[in-house]
């Protein structure tokens, strides 16, 4: 995590944007078409991401329908060791 993504309180901002982008990439690869985010059901923040953390986002299609799909996203953080 670089300073460009850290808020005045020391936590990360713009993280929902990252989740939207990774969800769109996952859904687009799955359906092989251009996709848009129609809705977000639930977002639960457990701990803040701090400066120096390494952030990993994982997305997978959990359900698919005729004209839509559901994408499950998990975000992990870890301390960068030297």
C-alpha atoms as a PDB file:
ATOM      1  CA  UNK A   1       0.000   0.000   0.000  1.00  0.00           C
ATOM      2  CA  UNK A   2       1.462   3.334  -1.000  1.00  0.00           C
ATOM      3  CA  UNK A   3       0.786   6.802   0.389  1.00  0.00           C
ATOM      4  CA  UNK A   4      -1.422   7.648  -2.611  1.00  0.00           C
ATOM      5  CA  UNK A   5      -4.140   5.341  -1.233  1.00  0.00           C
ATOM      6  CA  UNK A   6      -3.933   6.328   2.448  1.00  0.00           C
ATOM      7  CA  UNK A   7      -6.496   8.685   4.018  1.00  0.00           C
ATOM      8  CA  UNK A   8      -5.776  11.381   6.610  1.00  0.00           C
ATOM      9  CA  UNK A   9      -6.733   8.878   9.339  1.00  0.00           C
ATOM     10  CA  UNK A  10      -4.084   6.407   8.180  1.00  0.00           C
ATOM     11  CA  UNK A  11      -6.439   3.894   6.534  1.00  0.00           C
ATOM     12  CA  UNK A  12      -6.916   2.960   2.913  1.00  0.00           C
ATOM     13  CA  UNK A  13      -9.455   4.716   0.721  1.00  0.00           C
ATOM     14  CA  UNK A  14     -10.778   3.792  -2.736  1.00  0.00           C
ATOM     15  CA  UNK A  15     -10.975   0.128  -1.721  1.00  0.00           C
ATOM     16  CA  UNK A  16     -14.569  -0.242  -2.946  1.00  0.00           C
ATOM     17  CA  UNK A  17     -13.384   0.928  -6.352  1.00  0.00           C
ATOM     18  CA  UNK A  18     -10.796  -1.870  -6.383  1.00  0.00           C
ATOM     19  CA  UNK A  19     -13.509  -4.398  -5.527  1.00  0.00           C
ATOM     20  CA  UNK A  20     -15.729  -3.062  -8.331  1.00  0.00           C
ATOM     21  CA  UNK A  21     -12.905  -3.342 -10.872  1.00  0.00           C
ATOM     22  CA  UNK A  22     -11.871  -6.866  -9.850  1.00  0.00           C
ATOM     23  CA  UNK A  23     -15.528  -7.955  -9.852  1.00  0.00           C
ATOM     24  CA  UNK A  24     -16.007  -6.570 -13.366  1.00  0.00           C
ATOM     25  CA  UNK A  25     -12.861  -8.323 -14.603  1.00  0.00           C
ATOM     26  CA  UNK A  26     -14.026 -11.623 -13.118  1.00  0.00           C
ATOM     27  CA  UNK A  27     -17.581 -11.345 -14.514  1.00  0.00           C
ATOM     28  CA  UNK A  28     -16.315 -10.178 -17.910  1.00  0.00           C
ATOM     29  CA  UNK A  29     -13.968 -13.141 -18.222  1.00  0.00           C
ATOM     30  CA  UNK A  30     -16.769 -15.496 -17.185  1.00  0.00           C
ATOM     31  CA  UNK A  31     -19.401 -14.258 -19.666  1.00  0.00           C
ATOM     32  CA  UNK A  32     -17.004 -12.956 -22.366  1.00  0.00           C
ATOM     33  CA  UNK A  33     -18.941  -9.673 -22.678  1.00  0.00           C
ATOM     34  CA  UNK A  34     -18.774  -6.125 -21.392  1.00  0.00           C
ATOM     35  CA  UNK A  35     -20.320  -5.994 -17.907  1.00  0.00           C
ATOM     36  CA  UNK A  36     -21.550  -3.380 -15.442  1.00  0.00           C
ATOM     37  CA  UNK A  37     -22.151  -3.498 -11.699  1.00  0.00           C
ATOM     38  CA  UNK A  38     -25.916  -3.578 -11.125  1.00  0.00           C
ATOM     39  CA  UNK A  39     -25.862  -3.799  -7.327  1.00  0.00           C
ATOM     40  CA  UNK A  40     -23.754  -4.574  -4.283  1.00  0.00           C
ATOM     41  CA  UNK A  41     -25.416  -6.792  -1.691  1.00  0.00           C
ATOM     42  CA  UNK A  42     -23.056  -6.698   1.255  1.00  0.00           C
ATOM     43  CA  UNK A  43     -19.698  -5.182   2.157  1.00  0.00           C
ATOM     44  CA  UNK A  44     -18.188  -6.003   5.528  1.00  0.00           C
ATOM     45  CA  UNK A  45     -14.939  -4.416   6.702  1.00  0.00           C
ATOM     46  CA  UNK A  46     -13.128  -6.405   9.399  1.00  0.00           C
ATOM     47  CA  UNK A  47      -9.896  -4.404   9.798  1.00  0.00           C
ATOM     48  CA  UNK A  48      -8.416  -1.324   8.132  1.00  0.00           C
ATOM     49  CA  UNK A  49      -5.578  -1.623   5.638  1.00  0.00           C
ATOM     50  CA  UNK A  50      -2.566   0.414   6.718  1.00  0.00           C
ATOM     51  CA  UNK A  51       0.415   1.905   4.927  1.00  0.00           C
ATOM     52  CA  UNK A  52       2.900  -0.850   4.080  1.00  0.00           C
ATOM     53  CA  UNK A  53       0.321  -3.669   3.890  1.00  0.00           C
ATOM     54  CA  UNK A  54       0.234  -5.931   0.848  1.00  0.00           C
ATOM     55  CA  UNK A  55      -3.358  -6.240  -0.412  1.00  0.00           C
ATOM     56  CA  UNK A  56      -4.677  -9.268  -2.319  1.00  0.00           C
ATOM     57  CA  UNK A  57      -8.113  -9.361  -3.953  1.00  0.00           C
ATOM     58  CA  UNK A  58      -9.707 -12.632  -5.065  1.00  0.00           C
ATOM     59  CA  UNK A  59     -12.926 -12.809  -7.081  1.00  0.00           C
ATOM     60  CA  UNK A  60     -14.989 -15.735  -8.311  1.00  0.00           C
ATOM     61  CA  UNK A  61     -18.369 -16.168  -9.918  1.00  0.00           C
ATOM     62  CA  UNK A  62     -20.532 -17.829  -7.292  1.00  0.00           C
ATOM     63  CA  UNK A  63     -23.802 -18.043  -9.261  1.00  0.00           C
ATOM     64  CA  UNK A  64     -24.857 -17.374 -12.830  1.00  0.00           C
ATOM     65  CA  UNK A  65     -28.235 -16.764 -14.400  1.00  0.00           C
ATOM     66  CA  UNK A  66     -29.557 -16.054 -17.935  1.00  0.00           C
ATOM     67  CA  UNK A  67     -28.435 -12.414 -18.077  1.00  0.00           C
ATOM     68  CA  UNK A  68     -26.568 -11.839 -14.811  1.00  0.00           C
ATOM     69  CA  UNK A  69     -24.061 -13.392 -12.474  1.00  0.00           C
ATOM     70  CA  UNK A  70     -23.036 -13.037  -8.851  1.00  0.00           C
ATOM     71  CA  UNK A  71     -19.388 -12.400  -8.004  1.00  0.00           C
ATOM     72  CA  UNK A  72     -17.910 -13.118  -4.555  1.00  0.00           C
ATOM     73  CA  UNK A  73     -14.869 -11.009  -3.649  1.00  0.00           C
ATOM     74  CA  UNK A  74     -12.469 -11.465  -0.757  1.00  0.00           C
ATOM     75  CA  UNK A  75      -9.781  -8.964   0.219  1.00  0.00           C
ATOM     76  CA  UNK A  76      -6.760  -9.999   2.267  1.00  0.00           C
ATOM     77  CA  UNK A  77      -4.001  -7.907   3.793  1.00  0.00           C
ATOM     78  CA  UNK A  78      -0.610  -8.835   5.148  1.00  0.00           C
ATOM     79  CA  UNK A  79       2.285  -6.956   6.615  1.00  0.00           C
ATOM     80  CA  UNK A  80       5.198  -6.581   4.233  1.00  0.00           C
ATOM     81  CA  UNK A  81       8.333  -8.064   5.756  1.00  0.00           C
ATOM     82  CA  UNK A  82      11.811  -6.924   4.855  1.00  0.00           C
END
